[in-house]
Protein backbone atom coordinates (compact mmCIF):
# COMPACT_ATOMS: atom_id res chain seq x y z
CA MET A 1 -13.39 132.83 -26.96
CA HIS A 2 -14.06 130.84 -23.80
CA GLY A 3 -13.53 127.32 -25.18
CA GLY A 4 -16.96 126.51 -26.59
CA LYS A 5 -20.41 125.91 -25.24
CA SER A 6 -20.80 124.60 -21.70
CA LEU A 7 -22.30 121.15 -21.39
CA ARG A 8 -25.79 121.13 -19.91
CA GLY A 9 -28.20 118.53 -18.56
CA ALA A 10 -27.17 114.86 -18.61
CA ALA A 11 -24.04 115.71 -20.65
CA ALA A 12 -22.65 117.96 -17.89
CA PRO A 13 -20.02 116.29 -15.66
CA ALA A 14 -21.75 117.52 -12.48
CA PHE A 15 -25.20 116.28 -13.59
CA LYS A 16 -27.07 114.44 -10.80
CA ASN A 17 -29.87 112.11 -11.74
CA GLY A 18 -32.85 112.22 -9.43
CA ARG A 19 -35.56 114.74 -8.89
CA TYR A 20 -34.67 115.40 -5.25
CA SER A 21 -30.91 114.71 -5.15
CA ARG A 22 -29.80 118.32 -5.16
CA TYR A 23 -32.03 119.18 -2.17
CA LEU A 24 -31.05 116.29 0.10
CA PRO A 25 -28.30 116.40 2.71
CA ALA A 26 -25.36 114.13 1.84
CA ALA A 27 -26.35 111.28 4.20
CA LEU A 28 -29.91 111.23 2.89
CA ALA A 29 -28.75 111.55 -0.71
CA GLU A 30 -26.76 108.32 -0.34
CA ARG A 31 -29.83 106.51 1.00
CA TYR A 32 -31.93 108.03 -1.78
CA GLU A 33 -29.54 106.77 -4.45
CA ALA A 34 -29.45 103.32 -2.80
CA ALA A 35 -33.26 103.23 -2.77
CA LEU A 36 -33.32 104.04 -6.49
CA LYS A 37 -31.08 101.03 -7.15
CA ASP A 38 -33.12 98.70 -4.90
CA GLU A 39 -34.80 96.07 -7.10
CA GLU A 40 -37.30 95.33 -4.32
CA LEU A 41 -38.26 98.99 -3.78
CA LEU A 42 -41.88 98.49 -4.83
CA GLU A 43 -42.40 95.33 -2.78
CA LEU A 44 -44.59 95.87 0.25
CA ARG A 45 -44.09 92.62 2.18
CA ARG A 46 -41.72 94.20 4.71
CA GLU A 47 -44.10 97.09 5.34
CA ILE A 48 -47.00 94.68 5.82
CA ALA A 49 -44.91 92.65 8.28
CA LEU A 50 -43.95 95.84 10.14
CA LEU A 51 -47.62 96.82 10.46
CA ASP A 52 -48.44 93.32 11.73
CA VAL A 53 -45.77 93.72 14.42
CA ARG A 54 -47.20 97.12 15.44
CA ILE A 55 -50.76 95.77 15.55
CA GLY A 56 -49.59 92.96 17.82
CA GLU A 57 -47.71 95.42 20.01
CA VAL A 58 -50.75 97.69 20.42
CA LEU A 59 -53.00 94.73 21.17
CA GLY A 60 -50.49 93.48 23.75
CA LYS A 61 -50.50 96.80 25.61
CA MET A 62 -54.25 97.03 25.82
CA GLY A 63 -55.88 96.69 29.21
CA SER A 64 -59.43 95.72 29.93
CA GLY A 65 -60.99 99.19 29.92
CA GLU A 66 -63.85 98.31 27.60
CA THR A 67 -64.90 95.02 29.15
CA PRO A 68 -68.26 94.55 30.92
CA ALA A 69 -66.33 93.88 34.15
CA ALA A 70 -64.74 97.34 33.98
CA TRP A 71 -68.12 98.99 33.48
CA ALA A 72 -69.58 96.97 36.38
CA ASP A 73 -66.64 98.08 38.56
CA LEU A 74 -67.24 101.70 37.54
CA ARG A 75 -70.95 101.48 38.43
CA LYS A 76 -70.14 99.84 41.81
CA ARG A 77 -67.59 102.58 42.61
CA LEU A 78 -70.10 105.26 41.66
CA VAL A 79 -72.69 103.77 44.05
CA LEU A 80 -70.07 103.65 46.83
CA PHE A 81 -68.98 107.22 46.01
CA ARG A 82 -72.59 108.48 46.27
CA ALA A 83 -73.08 106.65 49.56
CA ALA A 84 -69.93 108.28 50.96
CA GLN A 85 -71.07 111.62 49.58
CA ALA A 86 -74.42 111.25 51.38
CA ARG A 87 -72.56 110.85 54.71
CA GLY A 88 -71.23 114.37 54.31
CA PRO A 89 -67.87 115.42 55.77
CA SER A 90 -67.27 111.99 57.34
CA GLY A 91 -67.29 110.34 53.88
CA VAL A 92 -64.83 112.71 52.17
CA ALA A 93 -61.81 110.37 52.46
CA GLU A 94 -63.84 107.42 51.16
CA MET A 95 -65.12 109.59 48.29
CA GLY A 96 -61.51 110.32 47.30
CA THR A 97 -60.69 106.60 47.23
CA HIS A 98 -63.70 105.77 45.04
CA LEU A 99 -63.09 108.77 42.77
CA ALA A 100 -59.49 107.64 42.21
CA ALA A 101 -60.70 104.11 41.36
CA MET A 102 -63.30 105.50 38.93
CA THR A 103 -60.67 107.72 37.31
CA ASP A 104 -58.42 104.69 36.82
CA VAL A 105 -61.20 102.71 35.10
CA ILE A 106 -62.04 105.69 32.88
CA ASP A 107 -58.36 106.21 31.98
CA ARG A 108 -57.98 102.53 31.06
CA GLY A 109 -61.13 102.73 28.93
CA ALA A 110 -59.88 105.87 27.17
CA SER A 111 -56.49 104.26 26.58
CA ASP A 112 -58.11 101.15 25.11
CA ALA A 113 -60.40 103.28 22.93
CA ALA A 114 -57.33 105.14 21.61
CA ALA A 115 -55.58 101.80 21.00
CA TRP A 116 -58.58 100.50 19.05
CA ALA A 117 -58.59 103.69 16.98
CA GLU A 118 -54.91 103.16 16.21
CA ILE A 119 -55.55 99.50 15.35
CA ARG A 120 -58.37 100.49 12.96
CA GLY A 121 -55.98 102.91 11.25
CA LEU A 122 -53.21 100.30 11.11
CA LEU A 123 -55.57 97.69 9.68
CA ASN A 124 -56.71 100.16 7.04
CA ASP A 125 -53.07 100.93 6.17
CA ARG A 126 -52.36 97.19 6.04
CA ARG A 127 -55.32 96.59 3.74
CA LYS A 128 -54.05 99.26 1.36
CA LEU A 129 -50.53 97.81 1.37
CA VAL A 130 -51.83 94.29 0.75
CA GLU A 131 -53.97 95.51 -2.16
CA GLY A 132 -50.97 97.34 -3.56
CA GLU A 133 -48.77 94.26 -3.24
CA TRP A 134 -51.42 92.07 -4.92
CA LYS A 135 -51.60 94.52 -7.80
CA ARG A 136 -47.81 94.69 -8.08
CA LEU A 137 -47.52 90.91 -8.12
CA GLU A 138 -50.23 90.61 -10.74
CA VAL A 139 -48.70 93.30 -12.95
CA THR A 140 -45.23 91.79 -12.70
CA GLY A 141 -46.61 88.39 -13.65
CA GLN A 142 -45.89 86.77 -10.30
CA MET A 143 -49.61 86.28 -9.73
CA VAL A 144 -52.27 85.26 -12.16
CA SER A 145 -55.95 86.18 -12.00
CA ALA A 146 -58.63 83.50 -11.79
CA GLU A 147 -59.85 84.51 -15.27
CA ARG A 148 -56.37 84.10 -16.73
CA LEU A 149 -56.00 80.77 -14.96
CA MET A 150 -59.26 79.52 -16.51
CA VAL A 151 -58.07 80.55 -20.00
CA LEU A 152 -54.78 78.74 -19.37
CA LEU A 153 -56.60 75.62 -18.16
CA GLY A 154 -58.81 75.68 -21.27
CA ALA A 155 -55.74 75.90 -23.50
CA ILE A 156 -54.11 72.98 -21.68
CA THR A 157 -57.29 70.94 -22.07
CA ASP A 158 -57.33 71.63 -25.82
CA ILE A 159 -53.67 70.59 -26.14
CA ILE A 160 -54.36 67.34 -24.29
CA ARG A 161 -57.38 66.54 -26.50
CA ARG A 162 -55.36 67.11 -29.66
CA HIS A 163 -52.39 64.97 -28.64
CA ILE A 164 -53.83 62.09 -26.63
CA VAL A 165 -55.65 59.53 -28.76
CA ASP A 166 -56.16 56.89 -26.07
CA ARG A 167 -59.83 57.35 -25.11
CA PRO A 168 -59.65 55.95 -21.49
CA THR A 169 -56.63 58.15 -20.70
CA LEU A 170 -58.37 61.19 -22.18
CA VAL A 171 -61.51 60.53 -20.11
CA SER A 172 -59.40 60.12 -16.95
CA ILE A 173 -57.50 63.38 -17.54
CA ALA A 174 -60.72 65.24 -18.39
CA GLY A 175 -62.27 64.00 -15.12
CA GLU A 176 -59.33 65.20 -13.07
CA LEU A 177 -59.30 68.60 -14.79
CA ASP A 178 -63.04 68.89 -14.20
CA ASN A 179 -62.44 68.22 -10.47
CA LEU A 180 -59.82 70.97 -10.44
CA ILE A 181 -62.25 73.42 -11.98
CA ARG A 182 -64.87 72.59 -9.34
CA LEU A 183 -62.53 73.40 -6.44
CA PRO A 184 -63.80 76.30 -4.30
CA ALA A 185 -62.65 79.66 -5.59
CA PRO A 186 -60.10 81.61 -3.56
CA SER A 187 -61.63 84.20 -1.22
CA GLY A 188 -62.63 87.36 -3.05
CA ASP A 189 -61.39 88.14 -6.52
CA ARG A 190 -57.78 88.01 -5.48
CA PRO A 191 -55.24 86.63 -7.91
CA THR A 192 -54.06 83.07 -7.40
CA SER A 193 -50.39 82.37 -6.75
CA ARG A 194 -48.48 81.12 -9.73
CA ALA A 195 -47.36 77.57 -8.95
């Protein structure tokens, strides 16, 4: 009576692909769709670089609140404050000066402590991103593990032995491959870049 069954799901003309598309405002929906089409979406290099910039920025803003000189200055000001305090009413103005100086040192120390806490968090975030990028590169075949590299080197050695009959050349190649194997391993168990 009404022209047949209505199309549903992916067959419907108004179907929108994307789990969140229908909930996003138009401007965000466009960015969402662009992100879905981004071939570099899972790469983390830009995020790592951004964190490096932020770490540098936080380090650049840090004062010297946690240095031994700051603590020595704080102790000296405290001694002067107590001496002014012992003088009674005549030392009140001097006490205010030393208290303000001590407050400044304490504020700088607290600011630096907060900056170090932020840096620890940023470094932890960076470590996670780097690990994720290593894993992504290894999974996508852009990096190769040390174990895989050793298997590949063994296969190449076997191919060389089968096809080169000249004994001096074979000995020379074997010596050079042996030197390659004896090179120091990359730090940690990180994959080695495919060259």
